[in-house]
mmCIF file of all heavy atoms, coordinates in Angstrom:
data_MODEL
# 
_entry.id   MODEL 
# 
loop_
_atom_site.group_PDB 
_atom_site.id 
_atom_site.type_symbol 
_atom_site.label_atom_id 
_atom_site.label_alt_id 
_atom_site.label_comp_id 
_atom_site.label_asym_id 
_atom_site.label_entity_id 
_atom_site.label_seq_id 
_atom_site.pdbx_PDB_ins_code 
_atom_site.Cartn_x 
_atom_site.Cartn_y 
_atom_site.Cartn_z 
_atom_site.occupancy 
_atom_site.B_iso_or_equiv 
_atom_site.pdbx_formal_charge 
_atom_site.auth_seq_id 
_atom_site.auth_comp_id 
_atom_site.auth_asym_id 
_atom_site.auth_atom_id 
_atom_site.pdbx_PDB_model_num 
ATOM 1   N N   . GLY A 1 1  ? -57.207 43.606 -48.091 1.00 0.00 ? 1  GLY A N   1 
ATOM 2   C CA  . GLY A 1 1  ? -57.492 42.568 -49.075 1.00 0.00 ? 1  GLY A CA  1 
ATOM 3   C C   . GLY A 1 1  ? -56.517 41.413 -49.106 1.00 0.00 ? 1  GLY A C   1 
ATOM 4   O O   . GLY A 1 1  ? -56.720 40.441 -49.854 1.00 0.00 ? 1  GLY A O   1 
ATOM 5   N N   . GLY A 1 2  ? -55.445 41.503 -48.318 1.00 0.00 ? 2  GLY A N   1 
ATOM 6   C CA  . GLY A 1 2  ? -54.497 40.394 -48.291 1.00 0.00 ? 2  GLY A CA  1 
ATOM 7   C C   . GLY A 1 2  ? -55.095 39.181 -47.598 1.00 0.00 ? 2  GLY A C   1 
ATOM 8   O O   . GLY A 1 2  ? -56.175 39.234 -47.018 1.00 0.00 ? 2  GLY A O   1 
ATOM 9   N N   . GLY A 1 3  ? -54.368 38.068 -47.670 1.00 0.00 ? 3  GLY A N   1 
ATOM 10  C CA  . GLY A 1 3  ? -54.839 36.858 -47.021 1.00 0.00 ? 3  GLY A CA  1 
ATOM 11  C C   . GLY A 1 3  ? -54.121 35.633 -47.534 1.00 0.00 ? 3  GLY A C   1 
ATOM 12  O O   . GLY A 1 3  ? -53.080 35.738 -48.200 1.00 0.00 ? 3  GLY A O   1 
ATOM 13  N N   . LEU A 1 4  ? -54.695 34.481 -47.224 1.00 0.00 ? 4  LEU A N   1 
ATOM 14  C CA  . LEU A 1 4  ? -54.150 33.187 -47.625 1.00 0.00 ? 4  LEU A CA  1 
ATOM 15  C C   . LEU A 1 4  ? -54.998 32.623 -48.758 1.00 0.00 ? 4  LEU A C   1 
ATOM 16  O O   . LEU A 1 4  ? -56.230 32.583 -48.657 1.00 0.00 ? 4  LEU A O   1 
ATOM 17  C CB  . LEU A 1 4  ? -54.159 32.233 -46.435 1.00 0.00 ? 4  LEU A CB  1 
ATOM 18  C CG  . LEU A 1 4  ? -53.769 30.777 -46.708 1.00 0.00 ? 4  LEU A CG  1 
ATOM 19  C CD1 . LEU A 1 4  ? -52.319 30.686 -47.165 1.00 0.00 ? 4  LEU A CD1 1 
ATOM 20  C CD2 . LEU A 1 4  ? -54.010 29.930 -45.470 1.00 0.00 ? 4  LEU A CD2 1 
ATOM 21  N N   . VAL A 1 5  ? -54.337 32.196 -49.818 1.00 0.00 ? 5  VAL A N   1 
ATOM 22  C CA  . VAL A 1 5  ? -55.047 31.655 -50.977 1.00 0.00 ? 5  VAL A CA  1 
ATOM 23  C C   . VAL A 1 5  ? -54.233 30.495 -51.544 1.00 0.00 ? 5  VAL A C   1 
ATOM 24  O O   . VAL A 1 5  ? -53.006 30.463 -51.407 1.00 0.00 ? 5  VAL A O   1 
ATOM 25  C CB  . VAL A 1 5  ? -55.275 32.761 -52.033 1.00 0.00 ? 5  VAL A CB  1 
ATOM 26  C CG1 . VAL A 1 5  ? -53.957 33.265 -52.585 1.00 0.00 ? 5  VAL A CG1 1 
ATOM 27  C CG2 . VAL A 1 5  ? -56.203 32.303 -53.136 1.00 0.00 ? 5  VAL A CG2 1 
ATOM 28  N N   . HIS A 1 6  ? -54.932 29.558 -52.140 1.00 0.00 ? 6  HIS A N   1 
ATOM 29  C CA  . HIS A 1 6  ? -54.249 28.432 -52.785 1.00 0.00 ? 6  HIS A CA  1 
ATOM 30  C C   . HIS A 1 6  ? -53.676 28.852 -54.129 1.00 0.00 ? 6  HIS A C   1 
ATOM 31  O O   . HIS A 1 6  ? -54.165 29.806 -54.758 1.00 0.00 ? 6  HIS A O   1 
ATOM 32  C CB  . HIS A 1 6  ? -55.223 27.271 -52.992 1.00 0.00 ? 6  HIS A CB  1 
ATOM 33  C CG  . HIS A 1 6  ? -55.632 26.606 -51.717 1.00 0.00 ? 6  HIS A CG  1 
ATOM 34  N ND1 . HIS A 1 6  ? -54.735 25.998 -50.858 1.00 0.00 ? 6  HIS A ND1 1 
ATOM 35  C CD2 . HIS A 1 6  ? -56.852 26.451 -51.146 1.00 0.00 ? 6  HIS A CD2 1 
ATOM 36  C CE1 . HIS A 1 6  ? -55.394 25.514 -49.824 1.00 0.00 ? 6  HIS A CE1 1 
ATOM 37  N NE2 . HIS A 1 6  ? -56.674 25.779 -49.964 1.00 0.00 ? 6  HIS A NE2 1 
ATOM 38  N N   . SER A 1 7  ? -52.648 28.144 -54.553 1.00 0.00 ? 7  SER A N   1 
ATOM 39  C CA  . SER A 1 7  ? -52.053 28.391 -55.858 1.00 0.00 ? 7  SER A CA  1 
ATOM 40  C C   . SER A 1 7  ? -53.131 28.323 -56.940 1.00 0.00 ? 7  SER A C   1 
ATOM 41  O O   . SER A 1 7  ? -53.971 27.421 -56.946 1.00 0.00 ? 7  SER A O   1 
ATOM 42  C CB  . SER A 1 7  ? -50.977 27.342 -56.131 1.00 0.00 ? 7  SER A CB  1 
ATOM 43  O OG  . SER A 1 7  ? -50.360 27.557 -57.365 1.00 0.00 ? 7  SER A OG  1 
ATOM 44  N N   . GLY A 1 8  ? -53.096 29.309 -57.835 1.00 0.00 ? 8  GLY A N   1 
ATOM 45  C CA  . GLY A 1 8  ? -54.097 29.418 -58.887 1.00 0.00 ? 8  GLY A CA  1 
ATOM 46  C C   . GLY A 1 8  ? -55.273 30.292 -58.529 1.00 0.00 ? 8  GLY A C   1 
ATOM 47  O O   . GLY A 1 8  ? -56.097 30.614 -59.394 1.00 0.00 ? 8  GLY A O   1 
ATOM 48  N N   . GLY A 1 9  ? -55.361 30.690 -57.284 1.00 0.00 ? 9  GLY A N   1 
ATOM 49  C CA  . GLY A 1 9  ? -56.463 31.524 -56.829 1.00 0.00 ? 9  GLY A CA  1 
ATOM 50  C C   . GLY A 1 9  ? -56.253 32.991 -57.120 1.00 0.00 ? 9  GLY A C   1 
ATOM 51  O O   . GLY A 1 9  ? -55.278 33.390 -57.767 1.00 0.00 ? 9  GLY A O   1 
ATOM 52  N N   . SER A 1 10 ? -57.189 33.802 -56.621 1.00 0.00 ? 10 SER A N   1 
ATOM 53  C CA  . SER A 1 10 ? -57.177 35.241 -56.879 1.00 0.00 ? 10 SER A CA  1 
ATOM 54  C C   . SER A 1 10 ? -57.367 36.015 -55.583 1.00 0.00 ? 10 SER A C   1 
ATOM 55  O O   . SER A 1 10 ? -57.997 35.529 -54.638 1.00 0.00 ? 10 SER A O   1 
ATOM 56  C CB  . SER A 1 10 ? -58.300 35.620 -57.851 1.00 0.00 ? 10 SER A CB  1 
ATOM 57  O OG  . SER A 1 10 ? -58.142 34.984 -59.096 1.00 0.00 ? 10 SER A OG  1 
ATOM 58  N N   . LEU A 1 11 ? -56.832 37.213 -55.576 1.00 0.00 ? 11 LEU A N   1 
ATOM 59  C CA  . LEU A 1 11 ? -57.068 38.180 -54.500 1.00 0.00 ? 11 LEU A CA  1 
ATOM 60  C C   . LEU A 1 11 ? -57.130 39.561 -55.130 1.00 0.00 ? 11 LEU A C   1 
ATOM 61  O O   . LEU A 1 11 ? -56.516 39.807 -56.172 1.00 0.00 ? 11 LEU A O   1 
ATOM 62  C CB  . LEU A 1 11 ? -55.948 38.158 -53.458 1.00 0.00 ? 11 LEU A CB  1 
ATOM 63  C CG  . LEU A 1 11 ? -55.920 37.043 -52.428 1.00 0.00 ? 11 LEU A CG  1 
ATOM 64  C CD1 . LEU A 1 11 ? -54.641 37.151 -51.597 1.00 0.00 ? 11 LEU A CD1 1 
ATOM 65  C CD2 . LEU A 1 11 ? -57.141 37.077 -51.532 1.00 0.00 ? 11 LEU A CD2 1 
ATOM 66  N N   . ARG A 1 12 ? -57.840 40.450 -54.457 1.00 0.00 ? 12 ARG A N   1 
ATOM 67  C CA  . ARG A 1 12 ? -57.881 41.848 -54.886 1.00 0.00 ? 12 ARG A CA  1 
ATOM 68  C C   . ARG A 1 12 ? -57.445 42.717 -53.712 1.00 0.00 ? 12 ARG A C   1 
ATOM 69  O O   . ARG A 1 12 ? -58.108 42.740 -52.668 1.00 0.00 ? 12 ARG A O   1 
ATOM 70  C CB  . ARG A 1 12 ? -59.282 42.242 -55.347 1.00 0.00 ? 12 ARG A CB  1 
ATOM 71  C CG  . ARG A 1 12 ? -59.352 43.658 -55.905 1.00 0.00 ? 12 ARG A CG  1 
ATOM 72  C CD  . ARG A 1 12 ? -60.747 43.965 -56.443 1.00 0.00 ? 12 ARG A CD  1 
ATOM 73  N NE  . ARG A 1 12 ? -60.850 45.303 -56.995 1.00 0.00 ? 12 ARG A NE  1 
ATOM 74  C CZ  . ARG A 1 12 ? -60.538 45.617 -58.241 1.00 0.00 ? 12 ARG A CZ  1 
ATOM 75  N NH1 . ARG A 1 12 ? -60.113 44.673 -59.072 1.00 0.00 ? 12 ARG A NH1 1 
ATOM 76  N NH2 . ARG A 1 12 ? -60.670 46.867 -58.671 1.00 0.00 ? 12 ARG A NH2 1 
ATOM 77  N N   . LEU A 1 13 ? -56.344 43.423 -53.898 1.00 0.00 ? 13 LEU A N   1 
ATOM 78  C CA  . LEU A 1 13 ? -55.852 44.351 -52.896 1.00 0.00 ? 13 LEU A CA  1 
ATOM 79  C C   . LEU A 1 13 ? -56.397 45.743 -53.181 1.00 0.00 ? 13 LEU A C   1 
ATOM 80  O O   . LEU A 1 13 ? -56.538 46.131 -54.343 1.00 0.00 ? 13 LEU A O   1 
ATOM 81  C CB  . LEU A 1 13 ? -54.329 44.391 -52.901 1.00 0.00 ? 13 LEU A CB  1 
ATOM 82  C CG  . LEU A 1 13 ? -53.594 43.067 -52.736 1.00 0.00 ? 13 LEU A CG  1 
ATOM 83  C CD1 . LEU A 1 13 ? -52.088 43.313 -52.711 1.00 0.00 ? 13 LEU A CD1 1 
ATOM 84  C CD2 . LEU A 1 13 ? -54.049 42.348 -51.484 1.00 0.00 ? 13 LEU A CD2 1 
ATOM 85  N N   . SER A 1 14 ? -56.666 46.470 -52.112 1.00 0.00 ? 14 SER A N   1 
ATOM 86  C CA  . SER A 1 14 ? -57.099 47.858 -52.243 1.00 0.00 ? 14 SER A CA  1 
ATOM 87  C C   . SER A 1 14 ? -56.254 48.733 -51.333 1.00 0.00 ? 14 SER A C   1 
ATOM 88  O O   . SER A 1 14 ? -55.762 48.281 -50.301 1.00 0.00 ? 14 SER A O   1 
ATOM 89  C CB  . SER A 1 14 ? -58.581 47.999 -51.862 1.00 0.00 ? 14 SER A CB  1 
ATOM 90  O OG  . SER A 1 14 ? -59.401 47.358 -52.802 1.00 0.00 ? 14 SER A OG  1 
ATOM 91  N N   . CYS A 1 15 ? -56.106 49.974 -51.750 1.00 0.00 ? 15 CYS A N   1 
ATOM 92  C CA  . CYS A 1 15 ? -55.361 50.960 -50.960 1.00 0.00 ? 15 CYS A CA  1 
ATOM 93  C C   . CYS A 1 15 ? -56.183 52.234 -50.933 1.00 0.00 ? 15 CYS A C   1 
ATOM 94  O O   . CYS A 1 15 ? -56.462 52.818 -51.987 1.00 0.00 ? 15 CYS A O   1 
ATOM 95  C CB  . CYS A 1 15 ? -54.003 51.201 -51.585 1.00 0.00 ? 15 CYS A CB  1 
ATOM 96  S SG  . CYS A 1 15 ? -53.049 52.531 -50.847 1.00 0.00 ? 15 CYS A SG  1 
ATOM 97  N N   . ALA A 1 16 ? -56.558 52.652 -49.739 1.00 0.00 ? 16 ALA A N   1 
ATOM 98  C CA  . ALA A 1 16 ? -57.330 53.877 -49.556 1.00 0.00 ? 16 ALA A CA  1 
ATOM 99  C C   . ALA A 1 16 ? -56.395 55.000 -49.151 1.00 0.00 ? 16 ALA A C   1 
ATOM 100 O O   . ALA A 1 16 ? -55.647 54.862 -48.178 1.00 0.00 ? 16 ALA A O   1 
ATOM 101 C CB  . ALA A 1 16 ? -58.398 53.665 -48.493 1.00 0.00 ? 16 ALA A CB  1 
ATOM 102 N N   . ALA A 1 17 ? -56.439 56.083 -49.913 1.00 0.00 ? 17 ALA A N   1 
ATOM 103 C CA  . ALA A 1 17 ? -55.531 57.201 -49.696 1.00 0.00 ? 17 ALA A CA  1 
ATOM 104 C C   . ALA A 1 17 ? -56.261 58.394 -49.109 1.00 0.00 ? 17 ALA A C   1 
ATOM 105 O O   . ALA A 1 17 ? -57.428 58.653 -49.444 1.00 0.00 ? 17 ALA A O   1 
ATOM 106 C CB  . ALA A 1 17 ? -54.868 57.599 -51.011 1.00 0.00 ? 17 ALA A CB  1 
ATOM 107 N N   . SER A 1 18 ? -55.570 59.148 -48.270 1.00 0.00 ? 18 SER A N   1 
ATOM 108 C CA  . SER A 1 18 ? -56.123 60.374 -47.709 1.00 0.00 ? 18 SER A CA  1 
ATOM 109 C C   . SER A 1 18 ? -54.988 61.283 -47.294 1.00 0.00 ? 18 SER A C   1 
ATOM 110 O O   . SER A 1 18 ? -53.853 60.843 -47.100 1.00 0.00 ? 18 SER A O   1 
ATOM 111 C CB  . SER A 1 18 ? -57.037 60.062 -46.520 1.00 0.00 ? 18 SER A CB  1 
ATOM 112 O OG  . SER A 1 18 ? -56.327 59.416 -45.500 1.00 0.00 ? 18 SER A OG  1 
ATOM 113 N N   . GLY A 1 19 ? -55.304 62.572 -47.194 1.00 0.00 ? 19 GLY A N   1 
ATOM 114 C CA  . GLY A 1 19 ? -54.324 63.535 -46.702 1.00 0.00 ? 19 GLY A CA  1 
ATOM 115 C C   . GLY A 1 19 ? -53.445 64.169 -47.761 1.00 0.00 ? 19 GLY A C   1 
ATOM 116 O O   . GLY A 1 19 ? -52.555 64.958 -47.421 1.00 0.00 ? 19 GLY A O   1 
ATOM 117 N N   . PHE A 1 20 ? -53.676 63.822 -49.032 1.00 0.00 ? 20 PHE A N   1 
ATOM 118 C CA  . PHE A 1 20 ? -52.934 64.456 -50.116 1.00 0.00 ? 20 PHE A CA  1 
ATOM 119 C C   . PHE A 1 20 ? -53.808 64.394 -51.364 1.00 0.00 ? 20 PHE A C   1 
ATOM 120 O O   . PHE A 1 20 ? -54.840 63.722 -51.388 1.00 0.00 ? 20 PHE A O   1 
ATOM 121 C CB  . PHE A 1 20 ? -51.585 63.766 -50.356 1.00 0.00 ? 20 PHE A CB  1 
ATOM 122 C CG  . PHE A 1 20 ? -51.668 62.325 -50.785 1.00 0.00 ? 20 PHE A CG  1 
ATOM 123 C CD1 . PHE A 1 20 ? -51.536 61.953 -52.109 1.00 0.00 ? 20 PHE A CD1 1 
ATOM 124 C CD2 . PHE A 1 20 ? -51.874 61.325 -49.829 1.00 0.00 ? 20 PHE A CD2 1 
ATOM 125 C CE1 . PHE A 1 20 ? -51.607 60.624 -52.497 1.00 0.00 ? 20 PHE A CE1 1 
ATOM 126 C CE2 . PHE A 1 20 ? -51.937 59.985 -50.210 1.00 0.00 ? 20 PHE A CE2 1 
ATOM 127 C CZ  . PHE A 1 20 ? -51.808 59.632 -51.541 1.00 0.00 ? 20 PHE A CZ  1 
ATOM 128 N N   . THR A 1 21 ? -53.395 65.119 -52.396 1.00 0.00 ? 21 THR A N   1 
ATOM 129 C CA  . THR A 1 21 ? -54.190 65.184 -53.625 1.00 0.00 ? 21 THR A CA  1 
ATOM 130 C C   . THR A 1 21 ? -53.908 63.949 -54.464 1.00 0.00 ? 21 THR A C   1 
ATOM 131 O O   . THR A 1 21 ? -53.023 63.933 -55.333 1.00 0.00 ? 21 THR A O   1 
ATOM 132 C CB  . THR A 1 21 ? -53.878 66.463 -54.410 1.00 0.00 ? 21 THR A CB  1 
ATOM 133 O OG1 . THR A 1 21 ? -54.004 67.595 -53.540 1.00 0.00 ? 21 THR A OG1 1 
ATOM 134 C CG2 . THR A 1 21 ? -54.870 66.623 -55.572 1.00 0.00 ? 21 THR A CG2 1 
ATOM 135 N N   . PHE A 1 22 ? -54.687 62.918 -54.208 1.00 0.00 ? 22 PHE A N   1 
ATOM 136 C CA  . PHE A 1 22 ? -54.457 61.605 -54.789 1.00 0.00 ? 22 PHE A CA  1 
ATOM 137 C C   . PHE A 1 22 ? -54.370 61.649 -56.312 1.00 0.00 ? 22 PHE A C   1 
ATOM 138 O O   . PHE A 1 22 ? -53.514 60.993 -56.901 1.00 0.00 ? 22 PHE A O   1 
ATOM 139 C CB  . PHE A 1 22 ? -55.604 60.690 -54.353 1.00 0.00 ? 22 PHE A CB  1 
ATOM 140 C CG  . PHE A 1 22 ? -55.545 59.300 -54.895 1.00 0.00 ? 22 PHE A CG  1 
ATOM 141 C CD1 . PHE A 1 22 ? -54.713 58.355 -54.328 1.00 0.00 ? 22 PHE A CD1 1 
ATOM 142 C CD2 . PHE A 1 22 ? -56.346 58.922 -55.977 1.00 0.00 ? 22 PHE A CD2 1 
ATOM 143 C CE1 . PHE A 1 22 ? -54.666 57.067 -54.818 1.00 0.00 ? 22 PHE A CE1 1 
ATOM 144 C CE2 . PHE A 1 22 ? -56.301 57.636 -56.478 1.00 0.00 ? 22 PHE A CE2 1 
ATOM 145 C CZ  . PHE A 1 22 ? -55.464 56.700 -55.892 1.00 0.00 ? 22 PHE A CZ  1 
ATOM 146 N N   . SER A 1 23 ? -55.208 62.426 -56.946 1.00 0.00 ? 23 SER A N   1 
ATOM 147 C CA  . SER A 1 23 ? -55.303 62.409 -58.408 1.00 0.00 ? 23 SER A CA  1 
ATOM 148 C C   . SER A 1 23 ? -54.062 62.952 -59.103 1.00 0.00 ? 23 SER A C   1 
ATOM 149 O O   . SER A 1 23 ? -53.919 62.814 -60.321 1.00 0.00 ? 23 SER A O   1 
ATOM 150 C CB  . SER A 1 23 ? -56.531 63.191 -58.863 1.00 0.00 ? 23 SER A CB  1 
ATOM 151 O OG  . SER A 1 23 ? -56.420 64.539 -58.463 1.00 0.00 ? 23 SER A OG  1 
ATOM 152 N N   . LEU A 1 24 ? -53.154 63.552 -58.356 1.00 0.00 ? 24 LEU A N   1 
ATOM 153 C CA  . LEU A 1 24 ? -51.927 64.102 -58.933 1.00 0.00 ? 24 LEU A CA  1 
ATOM 154 C C   . LEU A 1 24 ? -50.747 63.133 -58.826 1.00 0.00 ? 24 LEU A C   1 
ATOM 155 O O   . LEU A 1 24 ? -49.684 63.389 -59.389 1.00 0.00 ? 24 LEU A O   1 
ATOM 156 C CB  . LEU A 1 24 ? -51.544 65.409 -58.237 1.00 0.00 ? 24 LEU A CB  1 
ATOM 157 C CG  . LEU A 1 24 ? -52.527 66.568 -58.388 1.00 0.00 ? 24 LEU A CG  1 
ATOM 158 C CD1 . LEU A 1 24 ? -52.001 67.794 -57.648 1.00 0.00 ? 24 LEU A CD1 1 
ATOM 159 C CD2 . LEU A 1 24 ? -52.794 66.889 -59.855 1.00 0.00 ? 24 LEU A CD2 1 
ATOM 160 N N   . TYR A 1 25 ? -50.954 62.044 -58.116 1.00 0.00 ? 25 TYR A N   1 
ATOM 161 C CA  . TYR A 1 25 ? -49.846 61.143 -57.797 1.00 0.00 ? 25 TYR A CA  1 
ATOM 162 C C   . TYR A 1 25 ? -49.852 59.891 -58.659 1.00 0.00 ? 25 TYR A C   1 
ATOM 163 O O   . TYR A 1 25 ? -50.906 59.283 -58.889 1.00 0.00 ? 25 TYR A O   1 
ATOM 164 C CB  . TYR A 1 25 ? -49.906 60.730 -56.329 1.00 0.00 ? 25 TYR A CB  1 
ATOM 165 C CG  . TYR A 1 25 ? -49.363 61.771 -55.388 1.00 0.00 ? 25 TYR A CG  1 
ATOM 166 C CD1 . TYR A 1 25 ? -50.028 62.979 -55.211 1.00 0.00 ? 25 TYR A CD1 1 
ATOM 167 C CD2 . TYR A 1 25 ? -48.187 61.555 -54.685 1.00 0.00 ? 25 TYR A CD2 1 
ATOM 168 C CE1 . TYR A 1 25 ? -49.519 63.951 -54.357 1.00 0.00 ? 25 TYR A CE1 1 
ATOM 169 C CE2 . TYR A 1 25 ? -47.675 62.506 -53.826 1.00 0.00 ? 25 TYR A CE2 1 
ATOM 170 C CZ  . TYR A 1 25 ? -48.347 63.704 -53.676 1.00 0.00 ? 25 TYR A CZ  1 
ATOM 171 O OH  . TYR A 1 25 ? -47.841 64.663 -52.833 1.00 0.00 ? 25 TYR A OH  1 
ATOM 172 N N   . THR A 1 26 ? -48.656 59.504 -59.102 1.00 0.00 ? 26 THR A N   1 
ATOM 173 C CA  . THR A 1 26 ? -48.461 58.173 -59.652 1.00 0.00 ? 26 THR A CA  1 
ATOM 174 C C   . THR A 1 26 ? -48.549 57.174 -58.490 1.00 0.00 ? 26 THR A C   1 
ATOM 175 O O   . THR A 1 26 ? -47.980 57.414 -57.424 1.00 0.00 ? 26 THR A O   1 
ATOM 176 C CB  . THR A 1 26 ? -47.096 58.054 -60.333 1.00 0.00 ? 26 THR A CB  1 
ATOM 177 O OG1 . THR A 1 26 ? -47.088 58.899 -61.482 1.00 0.00 ? 26 THR A OG1 1 
ATOM 178 C CG2 . THR A 1 26 ? -46.804 56.627 -60.752 1.00 0.00 ? 26 THR A CG2 1 
# 
């Protein structure tokens, strides 16, 4: 989700997790 954006703009980053019990982690 990263990229180049002008000042005042928006971006949404996402992180996909695997290989561990995600729901237990901060």
